[in-house]
Structures are given as C-alpha cells and as structure tokens.
Amino acid sequence: MQRREFITLLGGAALAWPRAARAQQADRMRRVGVLDSRAADDPEGQARRAVFLEGLQELGWTDGRNVRIDYRWAAADVDRNRKYAAELVALAPDVILASASASVAALRQTTRTVPIVFVNVIDPVGAGLVASLARPGGSATGFTLFEYNLSGKWLGLFKEIAPNLTRIAIVRDPATSAGIGQFAVIQAMAPPSFGVELSLIDVRDPGEIERDVAAFARESNGGLIVTASSGAVVHRELIIMLAARHRLPAVYPFRYFVTSGGLISYGPDTIDQFRQAAGYVDRILKGEKAADLPVQAPTKYELAINLKTAKALGLTVPPSLLARTDEVIE
C-alpha cells in the first residue's frame, strides 16, 4: 500500500509540475525591445509608439504590469543602430520590434535567435531579412512598406500637378538597397519620350542635402521626388524648407511630409503598421514563431495635398487630382 501510495503521489506531482510551469510562464514579466529609426523627440515616432502601446493593451499587455518595453531611438544613424541593437539584445527580450531596414539589419548582425517583428521595411527579401514573404523561415517577420512599383506613381503625380517640369532630382539613400531600387523603378518609368531629365541627391548628411538642392535649383523647371528612407524622414523638415526656399515642387512618400508643409504625397499609412505589429508581438509572446508568420503588405494608401503650398508655388491642382485625394490641407 505504501508503495502504491508513493507511485500515486509521484504521478500526481508529475502532472502538477507542467501546470505550475505554465502558470509561472504566463505570470512572469515579459520583455519587449523597440529599436526605432527616428529620433526620440520626433512627433511621428511618438505617435507610432502610442499606437503600438494601445494595440498591445487591447491584447492584454500593459507596460509595467505584465510586460516591460525598452526603447532605443537610432535617429537614422548607423552607429546608433549598432550600439542600440547590442544593448537591446543584451537585455534578453522575448521579442524586438524594429522599424526600417537599417535597424533590422543591425539587429540581425547582433542576433539570429531573438524574434524580430519589423515595420516599414521596403524589400525584406532583397535585403536578406527573410527567405520569402509567405515563409520568412528565420527569426524575423513583419510588415513591408510598399512594393517598388509605387515609386512610378510619384513620377505620374508630377505630370498631373506640375506638367511643365523638365528636370527632377531623386532624393534617396544610396546606402540601402531600397534607395537604389526606388530610383531604378523611377528611371524605368521615365524613358526619353517622357521629357524629364533625372538626377540624384543623396541624404547622407544635412550639409550635403543643402548644397545639392541649392545646386539643382540654379536651373529652372525642376522638382524633387523624395523616396522613402530613414534619412529622408529624419531630415524631412530640412528638405521641406529647402523645397520652399528654392520654389521646387516636391512629391513625398508619406502624408506627414505634407502636414509639415510639403506639396503632395502618396504612400501607405505608416501608423497603422505599428498597430498591426502589436498583433504579431502578442502572438510571439504567446508562443508562435516568427518563421511561421507571413510578412504582410500594406492595405491602406493615402494621397495628401497641401493647397497652401501649391498656391505658394503658383500651381493649380487639377480637379481630377483633388477628387482622388484622401486629405486636403488648406
């Protein structure tokens, strides 16, 4: 009897241990790292942070209660990306949220085991971040910013809002595959018959941007296409100011350029991606693997026009373009 009682007791304990382990796992404080490509005081970055936190809270995660969230702000700086990637990985997080290709690349150089959910990445397959969109296959997954073909639409917008332009400077980040890829699409969409001469302006540092824009503006009938990159986002106030100073019509990739004084933009809703990313972070915290979560593309795109800026540039926005606009800034 004593032997049977001992075996029964041992069997009951064996069943209880996994339940206790699961309860302890569920109750423990989880840790999420965030490596953002923007500066800490960037209003758009703070809006993204708020949406991400709101999304997590809707799924049952509250910062300081059952999850601890550690933020690092790289401000589109290569050295900061590397430093902060190492700092976040050293904190042993359960998952890291990263925005922009440079931040994800810095994390991938630091760890191949910590799950990464990325947002606002243009070409994750081409950048080597995932094996494919449907089956990422590694420790990273997330949300793409857009396909390269979108770049051709920026060129088309110029033909509508400023049809007399003969010169366009492409503002891009030459250090990323996305910067090169966007320019290649615009080149392909602008054959000689298009009647527009293309040139390049790089966004490596403020001084270079200011010099190159001023040099481009010395000749008439010019405009700018600002492609999507962390550098363009960080230096957007400078770029918008230079476009106004030199009276250059400019097409931008995101609506917040237009709300800050830019002329026209077409691109995805970048804030919404952070809400969606909260869902992937939740699923990984609950045991799913990044390798099994497909990379998703944006579902919502926005066309925005600043009529005040158009008037200052002496441009008349065609009614057909206004009718398609999602946001008009008077």
Protein backbone atom coordinates (compact mmCIF):
# COMPACT_ATOMS: atom_id res chain seq x y z
CA MET A 1 0.00 0.00 0.00
CA GLN A 2 2.78 2.36 0.86
CA ARG A 3 4.44 1.67 -2.48
CA ARG A 4 1.20 2.31 -4.42
CA GLU A 5 0.56 5.47 -2.45
CA PHE A 6 4.06 6.68 -3.26
CA ILE A 7 3.60 6.00 -7.00
CA THR A 8 0.22 7.77 -6.99
CA LEU A 9 1.73 10.75 -5.19
CA LEU A 10 4.65 10.83 -7.63
CA GLY A 11 2.32 10.65 -10.65
CA GLY A 12 0.16 13.48 -9.30
CA ALA A 13 3.22 15.64 -8.74
CA ALA A 14 4.44 14.93 -12.28
CA LEU A 15 1.13 16.15 -13.66
CA ALA A 16 1.16 19.21 -11.43
CA TRP A 17 4.68 20.33 -12.41
CA PRO A 18 3.87 21.20 -16.08
CA ARG A 19 0.76 23.08 -14.95
CA ALA A 20 2.80 25.03 -12.42
CA ALA A 21 5.49 25.73 -15.01
CA ARG A 22 2.90 27.02 -17.48
CA ALA A 23 1.33 29.23 -14.81
CA GLN A 24 4.73 30.62 -13.88
CA GLN A 25 5.50 31.25 -17.56
CA ALA A 26 2.19 33.07 -18.05
CA ASP A 27 2.60 35.18 -14.91
CA ARG A 28 6.19 36.27 -15.41
CA MET A 29 7.05 39.73 -16.67
CA ARG A 30 7.73 39.57 -20.41
CA ARG A 31 10.23 41.86 -22.14
CA VAL A 32 9.89 43.65 -25.48
CA GLY A 33 12.62 45.73 -27.10
CA VAL A 34 11.89 48.52 -29.59
CA LEU A 35 14.54 49.88 -31.96
CA ASP A 36 13.04 52.87 -33.76
CA SER A 37 14.76 54.54 -36.71
CA ARG A 38 13.56 58.00 -35.63
CA ALA A 39 14.75 60.50 -33.05
CA ALA A 40 13.18 60.33 -29.59
CA ASP A 41 11.53 63.75 -29.96
CA ASP A 42 10.08 63.07 -33.43
CA PRO A 43 6.27 63.61 -33.23
CA GLU A 44 5.64 60.86 -35.78
CA GLY A 45 7.76 58.46 -33.74
CA GLN A 46 5.78 59.27 -30.61
CA ALA A 47 2.52 58.71 -32.49
CA ARG A 48 3.75 55.29 -33.59
CA ARG A 49 4.76 54.45 -30.03
CA ALA A 50 1.32 55.40 -28.73
CA VAL A 51 -0.46 53.24 -31.33
CA PHE A 52 1.81 50.26 -30.61
CA LEU A 53 1.17 50.53 -26.86
CA GLU A 54 -2.56 50.88 -27.48
CA GLY A 55 -2.53 47.79 -29.69
CA LEU A 56 -0.69 45.77 -27.05
CA GLN A 57 -3.07 46.93 -24.34
CA GLU A 58 -6.07 45.81 -26.38
CA LEU A 59 -4.46 42.37 -26.46
CA GLY A 60 -3.90 42.27 -22.70
CA TRP A 61 -0.34 43.60 -22.40
CA THR A 62 0.34 46.65 -20.23
CA ASP A 63 3.78 48.22 -19.95
CA GLY A 64 4.96 47.88 -16.34
CA ARG A 65 2.33 45.29 -15.38
CA ASN A 66 2.93 42.13 -17.40
CA VAL A 67 5.38 43.41 -20.00
CA ARG A 68 8.39 45.70 -19.87
CA ILE A 69 9.14 47.69 -23.02
CA ASP A 70 12.65 49.05 -23.60
CA TYR A 71 13.01 51.78 -26.24
CA ARG A 72 16.01 52.89 -28.25
CA TRP A 73 15.90 55.71 -30.84
CA ALA A 74 18.52 55.48 -33.60
CA ALA A 75 17.68 58.72 -35.49
CA ALA A 76 18.82 57.10 -38.78
CA ASP A 77 22.39 56.87 -37.50
CA VAL A 78 24.37 53.73 -38.42
CA ASP A 79 26.50 53.73 -35.27
CA ARG A 80 23.47 54.24 -33.02
CA ASN A 81 21.68 51.37 -34.73
CA ARG A 82 24.60 49.05 -33.97
CA LYS A 83 25.01 50.27 -30.40
CA TYR A 84 21.32 50.10 -29.53
CA ALA A 85 20.85 46.75 -31.23
CA ALA A 86 23.56 45.31 -28.97
CA GLU A 87 22.03 46.97 -25.90
CA LEU A 88 18.56 45.58 -26.59
CA VAL A 89 19.78 42.05 -27.30
CA ALA A 90 21.81 42.13 -24.06
CA LEU A 91 18.55 42.70 -22.15
CA ALA A 92 17.37 39.24 -23.32
CA PRO A 93 13.98 40.34 -24.66
CA ASP A 94 11.29 37.89 -25.74
CA VAL A 95 10.83 39.82 -28.98
CA ILE A 96 12.09 43.05 -30.57
CA LEU A 97 10.08 45.49 -32.69
CA ALA A 98 12.23 47.30 -35.26
CA SER A 99 11.37 49.98 -37.82
CA ALA A 100 13.21 50.47 -41.13
CA SER A 101 15.69 48.19 -42.87
CA ALA A 102 18.83 49.64 -41.25
CA SER A 103 17.55 48.94 -37.74
CA VAL A 104 16.54 45.39 -38.64
CA ALA A 105 19.90 44.76 -40.33
CA ALA A 106 21.75 45.96 -37.21
CA LEU A 107 19.71 43.56 -35.07
CA ARG A 108 20.29 40.67 -37.47
CA GLN A 109 24.03 41.27 -37.21
CA THR A 110 23.73 41.02 -33.43
CA THR A 111 21.36 38.06 -33.01
CA ARG A 112 19.82 35.27 -35.06
CA THR A 113 17.76 33.84 -32.19
CA VAL A 114 15.76 36.72 -30.67
CA PRO A 115 12.47 37.07 -32.63
CA ILE A 116 12.17 40.34 -34.57
CA VAL A 117 8.96 41.96 -35.80
CA PHE A 118 9.78 44.65 -38.37
CA VAL A 119 7.69 47.50 -39.76
CA ASN A 120 8.23 49.99 -42.60
CA VAL A 121 10.73 47.76 -44.44
CA ILE A 122 10.61 48.13 -48.21
CA ASP A 123 12.21 44.94 -49.57
CA PRO A 124 12.78 42.36 -46.80
CA VAL A 125 13.55 39.55 -49.27
CA GLY A 126 16.01 41.63 -51.31
CA ALA A 127 17.65 42.87 -48.10
CA GLY A 128 18.12 39.28 -46.93
CA LEU A 129 15.92 39.68 -43.85
CA VAL A 130 13.53 36.84 -44.76
CA ALA A 131 13.62 33.88 -47.15
CA SER A 132 10.23 34.75 -48.63
CA LEU A 133 7.15 36.79 -47.76
CA ALA A 134 4.92 33.74 -47.29
CA ARG A 135 7.51 31.74 -45.32
CA PRO A 136 10.04 34.04 -43.61
CA GLY A 137 11.96 30.99 -42.39
CA GLY A 138 14.10 32.66 -39.73
CA SER A 139 13.77 34.77 -36.61
CA ALA A 140 12.30 37.85 -38.35
CA THR A 141 8.93 38.72 -39.87
CA GLY A 142 6.71 41.78 -40.09
CA PHE A 143 5.20 44.33 -42.44
CA THR A 144 6.52 45.71 -45.71
CA LEU A 145 6.24 49.40 -46.53
CA PHE A 146 5.32 49.05 -50.23
CA GLU A 147 6.47 47.50 -53.47
CA TYR A 148 8.98 49.32 -55.65
CA ASN A 149 6.34 49.85 -58.33
CA LEU A 150 4.79 52.53 -56.10
CA SER A 151 7.79 54.73 -56.97
CA GLY A 152 6.50 55.12 -60.50
CA LYS A 153 3.27 56.68 -59.18
CA TRP A 154 5.26 59.59 -57.72
CA LEU A 155 6.50 60.39 -61.20
CA GLY A 156 2.94 60.27 -62.52
CA LEU A 157 1.79 62.75 -59.87
CA PHE A 158 4.27 65.28 -61.21
CA LYS A 159 2.73 65.05 -64.65
CA GLU A 160 -0.60 66.00 -63.11
CA ILE A 161 0.34 68.73 -60.67
CA ALA A 162 3.37 70.26 -62.44
CA PRO A 163 3.26 69.15 -66.11
CA ASN A 164 5.83 71.70 -67.29
CA LEU A 165 8.72 70.24 -65.31
CA THR A 166 11.69 69.09 -67.36
CA ARG A 167 14.09 68.19 -64.53
CA ILE A 168 13.53 66.00 -61.45
CA ALA A 169 16.03 65.26 -58.70
CA ILE A 170 15.52 61.96 -56.87
CA VAL A 171 16.30 62.35 -53.16
CA ARG A 172 17.41 58.92 -51.95
CA ASP A 173 19.58 56.99 -49.50
CA PRO A 174 22.41 55.44 -51.56
CA ALA A 175 23.46 53.15 -48.68
CA THR A 176 20.35 50.97 -48.87
CA SER A 177 19.04 48.59 -51.49
CA ALA A 178 15.67 50.31 -51.14
CA GLY A 179 17.18 53.66 -52.14
CA ILE A 180 18.75 52.11 -55.23
CA GLY A 181 15.63 50.09 -56.08
CA GLN A 182 13.25 53.04 -55.92
CA PHE A 183 15.49 55.07 -58.24
CA ALA A 184 15.69 52.16 -60.69
CA VAL A 185 11.88 52.00 -60.96
CA ILE A 186 11.61 55.75 -61.49
CA GLN A 187 14.28 55.52 -64.20
CA ALA A 188 12.37 52.72 -65.93
CA MET A 189 9.15 54.78 -65.80
CA ALA A 190 10.80 57.84 -67.33
CA PRO A 191 12.08 56.96 -70.82
CA PRO A 192 13.43 59.75 -73.08
CA SER A 193 9.96 60.24 -74.54
CA PHE A 194 8.75 61.23 -71.06
CA GLY A 195 10.61 64.51 -71.47
CA VAL A 196 12.16 64.65 -67.98
CA GLU A 197 15.84 64.65 -67.05
CA LEU A 198 16.62 62.75 -63.84
CA SER A 199 19.42 63.42 -61.37
CA LEU A 200 20.27 62.29 -57.82
CA ILE A 201 20.52 63.94 -54.41
CA ASP A 202 21.78 61.81 -51.53
CA VAL A 203 20.60 62.15 -47.92
CA ARG A 204 23.80 61.28 -46.07
CA ASP A 205 24.02 64.49 -44.03
CA PRO A 206 22.29 67.91 -43.79
CA GLY A 207 25.16 69.86 -45.33
CA GLU A 208 25.25 67.65 -48.40
CA ILE A 209 21.47 67.85 -48.83
CA GLU A 210 21.51 71.65 -48.62
CA ARG A 211 24.39 72.02 -51.09
CA ASP A 212 22.94 69.58 -53.63
CA VAL A 213 19.42 71.02 -53.54
CA ALA A 214 20.79 74.55 -53.98
CA ALA A 215 22.93 73.43 -56.93
CA PHE A 216 19.97 71.65 -58.55
CA ALA A 217 17.74 74.72 -58.12
CA ARG A 218 20.09 77.01 -60.07
CA GLU A 219 18.35 75.88 -63.26
CA SER A 220 14.61 76.32 -63.84
CA ASN A 221 11.73 73.86 -64.31
CA GLY A 222 12.95 71.48 -61.63
CA GLY A 223 11.22 69.41 -58.95
CA LEU A 224 12.02 66.78 -56.31
CA ILE A 225 10.87 63.22 -55.69
CA VAL A 226 11.74 62.27 -52.12
CA THR A 227 11.94 58.49 -51.89
CA ALA A 228 11.24 56.53 -48.71
CA SER A 229 14.25 56.21 -46.40
CA SER A 230 15.12 56.79 -42.75
CA GLY A 231 17.45 59.61 -43.80
CA ALA A 232 14.73 61.46 -45.68
CA VAL A 233 12.36 61.06 -42.73
CA VAL A 234 14.87 62.33 -40.18
CA HIS A 235 15.82 65.30 -42.41
CA ARG A 236 12.29 65.97 -43.67
CA GLU A 237 11.98 69.44 -42.10
CA LEU A 238 15.19 70.49 -43.86
CA ILE A 239 14.08 69.03 -47.20
CA ILE A 240 10.65 70.68 -47.00
CA MET A 241 12.25 74.01 -46.06
CA LEU A 242 14.72 73.80 -48.97
CA ALA A 243 11.94 72.94 -51.44
CA ALA A 244 10.02 76.03 -50.29
CA ARG A 245 13.10 78.29 -50.33
CA HIS A 246 14.05 77.29 -53.88
CA ARG A 247 10.42 77.07 -55.08
CA LEU A 248 10.73 73.41 -56.05
CA PRO A 249 7.56 71.30 -56.33
CA ALA A 250 8.15 68.06 -54.46
CA VAL A 251 6.44 64.68 -54.20
CA TYR A 252 6.87 62.82 -50.90
CA PRO A 253 6.31 59.21 -49.78
CA PHE A 254 4.19 59.86 -46.66
CA ARG A 255 1.39 62.21 -45.58
CA TYR A 256 3.28 63.67 -42.62
CA PHE A 257 5.60 65.40 -45.09
CA VAL A 258 2.55 67.24 -46.43
CA THR A 259 1.16 68.09 -43.00
CA SER A 260 4.58 69.63 -42.30
CA GLY A 261 4.38 71.86 -45.38
CA GLY A 262 5.27 69.60 -48.31
CA LEU A 263 3.31 69.78 -51.57
CA ILE A 264 1.94 66.29 -52.25
CA SER A 265 2.43 62.73 -51.03
CA TYR A 266 1.31 59.22 -51.86
CA GLY A 267 2.12 56.25 -49.69
CA PRO A 268 0.94 53.76 -47.07
CA ASP A 269 -0.48 54.51 -43.64
CA THR A 270 2.68 54.03 -41.58
CA ILE A 271 0.98 54.44 -38.20
CA ASP A 272 -1.38 51.53 -38.87
CA GLN A 273 1.57 49.17 -39.30
CA PHE A 274 2.52 49.66 -35.65
CA ARG A 275 -0.96 48.63 -34.54
CA GLN A 276 -0.68 45.51 -36.70
CA ALA A 277 2.80 44.84 -35.34
CA ALA A 278 1.34 44.69 -31.83
CA GLY A 279 -0.65 41.66 -33.01
CA TYR A 280 2.49 39.85 -34.17
CA VAL A 281 4.32 40.71 -30.94
CA ASP A 282 1.35 39.30 -29.00
CA ARG A 283 1.40 36.06 -30.97
CA ILE A 284 5.14 35.59 -30.43
CA LEU A 285 4.80 36.30 -26.70
CA LYS A 286 2.14 33.57 -26.64
CA GLY A 287 4.44 31.02 -28.23
CA GLU A 288 4.22 31.35 -32.01
CA LYS A 289 7.40 31.55 -34.08
CA ALA A 290 8.37 34.43 -36.37
CA ALA A 291 9.27 31.89 -39.06
CA ASP A 292 5.61 30.82 -39.25
CA LEU A 293 4.11 34.32 -39.50
CA PRO A 294 3.95 35.60 -43.11
CA VAL A 295 5.23 39.05 -44.00
CA GLN A 296 2.26 41.30 -44.72
CA ALA A 297 1.90 44.19 -47.19
CA PRO A 298 0.04 47.48 -46.53
CA THR A 299 -3.67 47.54 -47.26
CA LYS A 300 -4.24 51.30 -46.98
CA TYR A 301 -2.61 54.04 -49.09
CA GLU A 302 -3.10 57.79 -48.74
CA LEU A 303 -2.92 60.69 -51.20
CA ALA A 304 -2.46 64.08 -49.50
CA ILE A 305 -2.13 67.59 -50.97
CA ASN A 306 -1.21 70.88 -49.31
CA LEU A 307 -3.14 73.60 -51.20
CA LYS A 308 -1.34 76.38 -49.33
CA THR A 309 2.00 75.09 -50.61
CA ALA A 310 0.59 74.66 -54.13
CA LYS A 311 -0.56 78.28 -54.11
CA ALA A 312 2.85 79.50 -52.89
CA LEU A 313 4.46 77.64 -55.81
CA GLY A 314 1.97 79.06 -58.30
CA LEU A 315 0.48 75.64 -59.06
CA THR A 316 -3.16 74.85 -59.79
CA VAL A 317 -4.26 71.41 -58.59
CA PRO A 318 -6.45 69.75 -61.26
CA PRO A 319 -10.00 68.88 -60.07
CA SER A 320 -9.43 65.26 -61.15
CA LEU A 321 -6.49 65.02 -58.74
CA LEU A 322 -8.39 66.70 -55.91
CA ALA A 323 -11.25 64.24 -56.36
CA ARG A 324 -8.89 61.32 -55.63
CA THR A 325 -7.24 62.97 -52.63
CA ASP A 326 -7.74 61.48 -49.17
CA GLU A 327 -6.56 64.57 -47.27
CA VAL A 328 -6.53 68.18 -48.44
CA ILE A 329 -4.67 70.72 -46.31
CA GLU A 330 -5.95 74.25 -46.86
